[in-house]
Amino acid sequence: MNAIRTLKLLGAAFVVVASVNAWAQGSESAAASAPTHGASKSEVRKANRALSKKVAQALSKGGVDTTGINVLAKGGAITLAGGVNDPAQIDKATSIAQGVAGVTSVKNALTVREGGQ
């Protein structure tokens, strides 16, 4: 009886150790992929806000109505979300955002708003 109990306990301990090791490896690779390069969280947030503002200004100067558009930045990756009145502005917004310095990729989640919304 004691031998079975001991084997179960050792097996459970092995599963816990293996899980902790796998979790630690996953978090290290995720941390390594974040392009912070030693910057603090507040510096990264500040840089993301500045890039978002820069892209929004470029869209506005480029003739895109930014009233219903949210520009989100995360480490150079831009997400455009919201709605536009003219379908042509969706592609125009993507090309303008890609031309802004510091932008590495653009995900366009813009939709066409139905009449007057």
N, C-alpha and C. Protein backbone atom coordinates (compact mmCIF):
# COMPACT_ATOMS: atom_id res chain seq x y z
N MET A 1 0.81 -1.19 0.00
CA MET A 1 0.00 0.00 0.00
C MET A 1 0.86 1.26 0.00
N ASN A 2 1.88 1.26 0.87
CA ASN A 2 2.73 2.43 0.95
C ASN A 2 3.53 2.66 -0.34
N ALA A 3 3.89 1.56 -1.02
CA ALA A 3 4.65 1.67 -2.26
C ALA A 3 3.79 2.34 -3.34
N ILE A 4 2.53 1.98 -3.43
CA ILE A 4 1.62 2.57 -4.42
C ILE A 4 1.41 4.05 -4.11
N ARG A 5 1.22 4.35 -2.85
CA ARG A 5 1.02 5.73 -2.43
C ARG A 5 2.26 6.58 -2.75
N THR A 6 3.43 6.03 -2.53
CA THR A 6 4.68 6.73 -2.81
C THR A 6 4.84 6.95 -4.31
N LEU A 7 4.52 5.95 -5.13
CA LEU A 7 4.60 6.09 -6.58
C LEU A 7 3.63 7.15 -7.10
N LYS A 8 2.44 7.20 -6.56
CA LYS A 8 1.46 8.22 -6.95
C LYS A 8 1.98 9.61 -6.61
N LEU A 9 2.54 9.76 -5.45
CA LEU A 9 3.07 11.04 -4.99
C LEU A 9 4.25 11.47 -5.87
N LEU A 10 5.14 10.53 -6.20
CA LEU A 10 6.26 10.84 -7.09
C LEU A 10 5.77 11.22 -8.49
N GLY A 11 4.78 10.52 -8.98
CA GLY A 11 4.21 10.83 -10.30
C GLY A 11 3.59 12.23 -10.32
N ALA A 12 2.86 12.56 -9.28
CA ALA A 12 2.24 13.90 -9.19
C ALA A 12 3.32 14.97 -9.11
N ALA A 13 4.38 14.73 -8.34
CA ALA A 13 5.47 15.69 -8.23
C ALA A 13 6.15 15.88 -9.58
N PHE A 14 6.33 14.80 -10.32
CA PHE A 14 6.94 14.89 -11.64
C PHE A 14 6.09 15.74 -12.59
N VAL A 15 4.78 15.56 -12.58
CA VAL A 15 3.88 16.33 -13.43
C VAL A 15 3.97 17.82 -13.07
N VAL A 16 4.01 18.14 -11.80
CA VAL A 16 4.11 19.54 -11.37
C VAL A 16 5.43 20.15 -11.84
N VAL A 17 6.52 19.44 -11.66
CA VAL A 17 7.83 19.96 -12.08
C VAL A 17 7.88 20.15 -13.60
N ALA A 18 7.35 19.21 -14.35
CA ALA A 18 7.34 19.32 -15.81
C ALA A 18 6.48 20.50 -16.25
N SER A 19 5.35 20.71 -15.59
CA SER A 19 4.46 21.82 -15.94
C SER A 19 5.11 23.16 -15.66
N VAL A 20 5.76 23.29 -14.51
CA VAL A 20 6.43 24.54 -14.16
C VAL A 20 7.54 24.83 -15.15
N ASN A 21 8.30 23.82 -15.53
CA ASN A 21 9.39 24.00 -16.49
C ASN A 21 8.85 24.43 -17.85
N ALA A 22 7.78 23.82 -18.32
CA ALA A 22 7.19 24.19 -19.61
C ALA A 22 6.63 25.60 -19.56
N TRP A 23 6.00 25.98 -18.46
CA TRP A 23 5.45 27.33 -18.32
C TRP A 23 6.56 28.36 -18.33
N ALA A 24 7.66 28.08 -17.65
CA ALA A 24 8.77 29.03 -17.59
C ALA A 24 9.38 29.24 -18.97
N GLN A 25 9.50 28.20 -19.76
CA GLN A 25 10.04 28.34 -21.10
C GLN A 25 9.11 29.17 -21.98
N GLY A 26 7.83 28.98 -21.87
CA GLY A 26 6.87 29.74 -22.66
C GLY A 26 6.91 31.22 -22.33
N SER A 27 7.03 31.57 -21.06
CA SER A 27 7.04 32.98 -20.69
C SER A 27 8.35 33.65 -21.10
N GLU A 28 9.46 32.90 -21.09
CA GLU A 28 10.72 33.48 -21.52
C GLU A 28 10.69 33.83 -23.00
N SER A 29 10.13 32.94 -23.82
CA SER A 29 10.08 33.21 -25.25
C SER A 29 9.13 34.35 -25.55
N ALA A 30 8.04 34.46 -24.80
CA ALA A 30 7.12 35.58 -25.00
C ALA A 30 7.78 36.89 -24.59
N ALA A 31 8.53 36.88 -23.52
CA ALA A 31 9.21 38.09 -23.07
C ALA A 31 10.31 38.48 -24.05
N ALA A 32 10.97 37.50 -24.65
CA ALA A 32 12.03 37.81 -25.59
C ALA A 32 11.50 38.41 -26.88
N SER A 33 10.25 38.08 -27.25
CA SER A 33 9.71 38.61 -28.49
C SER A 33 9.20 40.03 -28.34
N ALA A 34 8.98 40.51 -27.13
CA ALA A 34 8.53 41.89 -26.93
C ALA A 34 9.70 42.84 -27.16
N PRO A 35 9.53 43.82 -28.06
CA PRO A 35 10.64 44.71 -28.42
C PRO A 35 10.82 45.87 -27.44
N THR A 36 11.01 45.55 -26.15
CA THR A 36 11.15 46.62 -25.17
C THR A 36 12.59 47.09 -25.04
N HIS A 37 13.56 46.24 -25.27
CA HIS A 37 14.98 46.59 -25.23
C HIS A 37 15.34 47.36 -23.96
N GLY A 38 14.88 46.88 -22.82
CA GLY A 38 15.24 47.48 -21.55
C GLY A 38 14.41 48.69 -21.17
N ALA A 39 13.41 49.05 -21.93
CA ALA A 39 12.58 50.20 -21.61
C ALA A 39 11.57 49.82 -20.53
N SER A 40 11.23 50.80 -19.70
CA SER A 40 10.24 50.54 -18.67
C SER A 40 8.85 50.48 -19.29
N LYS A 41 7.89 49.96 -18.53
CA LYS A 41 6.53 49.85 -19.04
C LYS A 41 5.97 51.22 -19.40
N SER A 42 6.26 52.22 -18.58
CA SER A 42 5.72 53.55 -18.87
C SER A 42 6.35 54.14 -20.14
N GLU A 43 7.61 53.85 -20.39
CA GLU A 43 8.25 54.32 -21.63
C GLU A 43 7.66 53.64 -22.85
N VAL A 44 7.36 52.35 -22.73
CA VAL A 44 6.76 51.61 -23.84
C VAL A 44 5.37 52.15 -24.13
N ARG A 45 4.57 52.38 -23.07
CA ARG A 45 3.23 52.94 -23.25
C ARG A 45 3.30 54.32 -23.90
N LYS A 46 4.25 55.13 -23.47
CA LYS A 46 4.42 56.47 -24.02
C LYS A 46 4.77 56.40 -25.50
N ALA A 47 5.66 55.49 -25.87
CA ALA A 47 6.05 55.32 -27.27
C ALA A 47 4.86 54.84 -28.11
N ASN A 48 4.07 53.91 -27.55
CA ASN A 48 2.89 53.42 -28.27
C ASN A 48 1.87 54.53 -28.48
N ARG A 49 1.64 55.36 -27.45
CA ARG A 49 0.71 56.49 -27.60
C ARG A 49 1.21 57.48 -28.64
N ALA A 50 2.50 57.75 -28.63
CA ALA A 50 3.07 58.70 -29.59
C ALA A 50 2.92 58.18 -31.02
N LEU A 51 3.15 56.88 -31.23
CA LEU A 51 3.00 56.31 -32.56
C LEU A 51 1.53 56.33 -33.00
N SER A 52 0.62 56.03 -32.08
CA SER A 52 -0.81 56.10 -32.39
C SER A 52 -1.20 57.50 -32.84
N LYS A 53 -0.72 58.49 -32.12
CA LYS A 53 -1.03 59.88 -32.44
C LYS A 53 -0.43 60.26 -33.80
N LYS A 54 0.79 59.80 -34.05
CA LYS A 54 1.46 60.09 -35.32
C LYS A 54 0.69 59.50 -36.50
N VAL A 55 0.20 58.28 -36.35
CA VAL A 55 -0.58 57.63 -37.40
C VAL A 55 -1.91 58.34 -37.59
N ALA A 56 -2.58 58.70 -36.50
CA ALA A 56 -3.87 59.40 -36.59
C ALA A 56 -3.70 60.74 -37.31
N GLN A 57 -2.61 61.44 -37.01
CA GLN A 57 -2.35 62.72 -37.68
C GLN A 57 -2.09 62.50 -39.17
N ALA A 58 -1.35 61.46 -39.51
CA ALA A 58 -1.07 61.17 -40.91
C ALA A 58 -2.35 60.81 -41.65
N LEU A 59 -3.25 60.06 -41.01
CA LEU A 59 -4.52 59.73 -41.63
C LEU A 59 -5.34 60.99 -41.90
N SER A 60 -5.37 61.86 -40.92
CA SER A 60 -6.13 63.10 -41.06
C SER A 60 -5.57 63.98 -42.18
N LYS A 61 -4.24 64.11 -42.21
CA LYS A 61 -3.59 64.90 -43.26
C LYS A 61 -3.77 64.26 -44.63
N GLY A 62 -3.91 62.94 -44.66
CA GLY A 62 -4.07 62.21 -45.91
C GLY A 62 -5.49 62.21 -46.44
N GLY A 63 -6.40 62.86 -45.73
CA GLY A 63 -7.77 62.97 -46.21
C GLY A 63 -8.72 61.90 -45.71
N VAL A 64 -8.32 61.15 -44.70
CA VAL A 64 -9.19 60.13 -44.13
C VAL A 64 -9.92 60.76 -42.94
N ASP A 65 -11.25 60.61 -42.91
CA ASP A 65 -12.04 61.12 -41.79
C ASP A 65 -11.80 60.22 -40.58
N THR A 66 -11.11 60.74 -39.57
CA THR A 66 -10.71 59.93 -38.42
C THR A 66 -11.72 59.98 -37.28
N THR A 67 -12.90 60.54 -37.53
CA THR A 67 -13.90 60.70 -36.48
C THR A 67 -14.25 59.36 -35.82
N GLY A 68 -14.46 58.32 -36.58
CA GLY A 68 -14.85 57.04 -36.00
C GLY A 68 -13.75 56.01 -36.00
N ILE A 69 -12.49 56.45 -36.10
CA ILE A 69 -11.37 55.51 -36.18
C ILE A 69 -10.55 55.55 -34.90
N ASN A 70 -10.26 54.38 -34.37
CA ASN A 70 -9.34 54.23 -33.24
C ASN A 70 -8.04 53.66 -33.78
N VAL A 71 -6.93 54.29 -33.41
CA VAL A 71 -5.61 53.83 -33.83
C VAL A 71 -4.91 53.28 -32.60
N LEU A 72 -4.62 51.99 -32.61
CA LEU A 72 -3.95 51.33 -31.50
C LEU A 72 -2.56 50.90 -31.95
N ALA A 73 -1.56 51.18 -31.12
CA ALA A 73 -0.18 50.79 -31.44
C ALA A 73 0.37 49.91 -30.34
N LYS A 74 1.11 48.90 -30.75
CA LYS A 74 1.80 48.04 -29.79
C LYS A 74 3.11 47.60 -30.42
N GLY A 75 4.18 48.26 -30.03
CA GLY A 75 5.50 47.89 -30.51
C GLY A 75 5.67 48.02 -32.02
N GLY A 76 5.06 49.01 -32.62
CA GLY A 76 5.18 49.21 -34.06
C GLY A 76 4.05 48.59 -34.86
N ALA A 77 3.30 47.69 -34.25
CA ALA A 77 2.15 47.08 -34.92
C ALA A 77 0.94 47.96 -34.70
N ILE A 78 0.30 48.37 -35.78
CA ILE A 78 -0.84 49.27 -35.72
C ILE A 78 -2.13 48.51 -36.01
N THR A 79 -3.16 48.79 -35.24
CA THR A 79 -4.49 48.27 -35.52
C THR A 79 -5.42 49.45 -35.74
N LEU A 80 -6.09 49.46 -36.87
CA LEU A 80 -7.08 50.48 -37.19
C LEU A 80 -8.45 49.85 -36.96
N ALA A 81 -9.24 50.43 -36.06
CA ALA A 81 -10.55 49.89 -35.73
C ALA A 81 -11.58 51.00 -35.78
N GLY A 82 -12.81 50.63 -36.09
CA GLY A 82 -13.89 51.60 -36.14
C GLY A 82 -14.59 51.56 -37.48
N GLY A 83 -15.19 52.71 -37.82
CA GLY A 83 -15.94 52.77 -39.05
C GLY A 83 -15.67 54.02 -39.86
N VAL A 84 -15.83 53.89 -41.17
CA VAL A 84 -15.67 55.02 -42.10
C VAL A 84 -16.93 55.09 -42.96
N ASN A 85 -17.18 56.27 -43.54
CA ASN A 85 -18.37 56.45 -44.38
C ASN A 85 -18.15 55.94 -45.80
N ASP A 86 -16.93 56.01 -46.29
CA ASP A 86 -16.61 55.66 -47.67
C ASP A 86 -15.73 54.41 -47.71
N PRO A 87 -16.12 53.37 -48.43
CA PRO A 87 -15.30 52.15 -48.49
C PRO A 87 -13.89 52.38 -49.02
N ALA A 88 -13.69 53.38 -49.85
CA ALA A 88 -12.36 53.66 -50.41
C ALA A 88 -11.39 54.11 -49.32
N GLN A 89 -11.93 54.65 -48.22
CA GLN A 89 -11.06 55.13 -47.15
C GLN A 89 -10.42 54.00 -46.36
N ILE A 90 -10.97 52.81 -46.45
CA ILE A 90 -10.40 51.67 -45.73
C ILE A 90 -9.01 51.35 -46.29
N ASP A 91 -8.90 51.19 -47.60
CA ASP A 91 -7.60 50.90 -48.21
C ASP A 91 -6.66 52.09 -48.11
N LYS A 92 -7.21 53.28 -48.22
CA LYS A 92 -6.40 54.49 -48.12
C LYS A 92 -5.78 54.60 -46.72
N ALA A 93 -6.56 54.29 -45.69
CA ALA A 93 -6.06 54.35 -44.32
C ALA A 93 -4.92 53.36 -44.11
N THR A 94 -5.05 52.16 -44.68
CA THR A 94 -4.00 51.16 -44.55
C THR A 94 -2.70 51.63 -45.19
N SER A 95 -2.80 52.14 -46.41
CA SER A 95 -1.58 52.57 -47.10
C SER A 95 -0.93 53.76 -46.43
N ILE A 96 -1.73 54.68 -45.90
CA ILE A 96 -1.16 55.83 -45.19
C ILE A 96 -0.47 55.37 -43.92
N ALA A 97 -1.11 54.49 -43.15
CA ALA A 97 -0.53 54.00 -41.90
C ALA A 97 0.77 53.26 -42.13
N GLN A 98 0.84 52.48 -43.23
CA GLN A 98 2.07 51.74 -43.54
C GLN A 98 3.23 52.67 -43.86
N GLY A 99 2.93 53.88 -44.32
CA GLY A 99 3.98 54.83 -44.69
C GLY A 99 4.52 55.65 -43.54
N VAL A 100 3.96 55.50 -42.35
CA VAL A 100 4.43 56.27 -41.19
C VAL A 100 5.67 55.61 -40.61
N ALA A 101 6.68 56.43 -40.32
CA ALA A 101 7.92 55.92 -39.73
C ALA A 101 7.65 55.27 -38.38
N GLY A 102 8.22 54.09 -38.18
CA GLY A 102 8.04 53.37 -36.92
C GLY A 102 6.98 52.29 -36.99
N VAL A 103 6.17 52.28 -38.04
CA VAL A 103 5.12 51.27 -38.19
C VAL A 103 5.73 50.03 -38.84
N THR A 104 5.55 48.89 -38.19
CA THR A 104 6.08 47.64 -38.72
C THR A 104 5.01 46.81 -39.41
N SER A 105 3.75 46.93 -38.96
CA SER A 105 2.65 46.20 -39.60
C SER A 105 1.35 46.94 -39.32
N VAL A 106 0.36 46.69 -40.19
CA VAL A 106 -0.94 47.33 -40.02
C VAL A 106 -2.03 46.27 -40.13
N LYS A 107 -2.88 46.19 -39.11
CA LYS A 107 -4.05 45.33 -39.16
C LYS A 107 -5.25 46.27 -39.31
N ASN A 108 -6.00 46.08 -40.37
CA ASN A 108 -7.12 46.96 -40.66
C ASN A 108 -8.41 46.26 -40.27
N ALA A 109 -9.09 46.78 -39.24
CA ALA A 109 -10.37 46.23 -38.79
C ALA A 109 -11.47 47.28 -39.00
N LEU A 110 -11.28 48.14 -40.01
CA LEU A 110 -12.27 49.18 -40.28
C LEU A 110 -13.46 48.59 -41.02
N THR A 111 -14.64 49.15 -40.76
CA THR A 111 -15.85 48.75 -41.45
C THR A 111 -16.52 49.99 -42.02
N VAL A 112 -17.43 49.77 -42.93
CA VAL A 112 -18.19 50.88 -43.51
C VAL A 112 -19.43 51.10 -42.66
N ARG A 113 -19.59 52.34 -42.18
CA ARG A 113 -20.75 52.70 -41.38
C ARG A 113 -21.96 52.84 -42.28
N GLU A 114 -23.07 52.39 -41.79
CA GLU A 114 -24.32 52.54 -42.53
C GLU A 114 -24.81 53.97 -42.35
N GLY A 115 -25.38 54.54 -43.37
CA GLY A 115 -25.88 55.91 -43.47
C GLY A 115 -26.00 56.72 -42.20
N GLY A 116 -25.07 57.65 -42.00
CA GLY A 116 -25.16 58.65 -40.95
C GLY A 116 -24.87 58.18 -39.54
N GLN A 117 -24.36 57.00 -39.34
CA GLN A 117 -24.08 56.55 -37.97
C GLN A 117 -22.72 56.97 -37.51
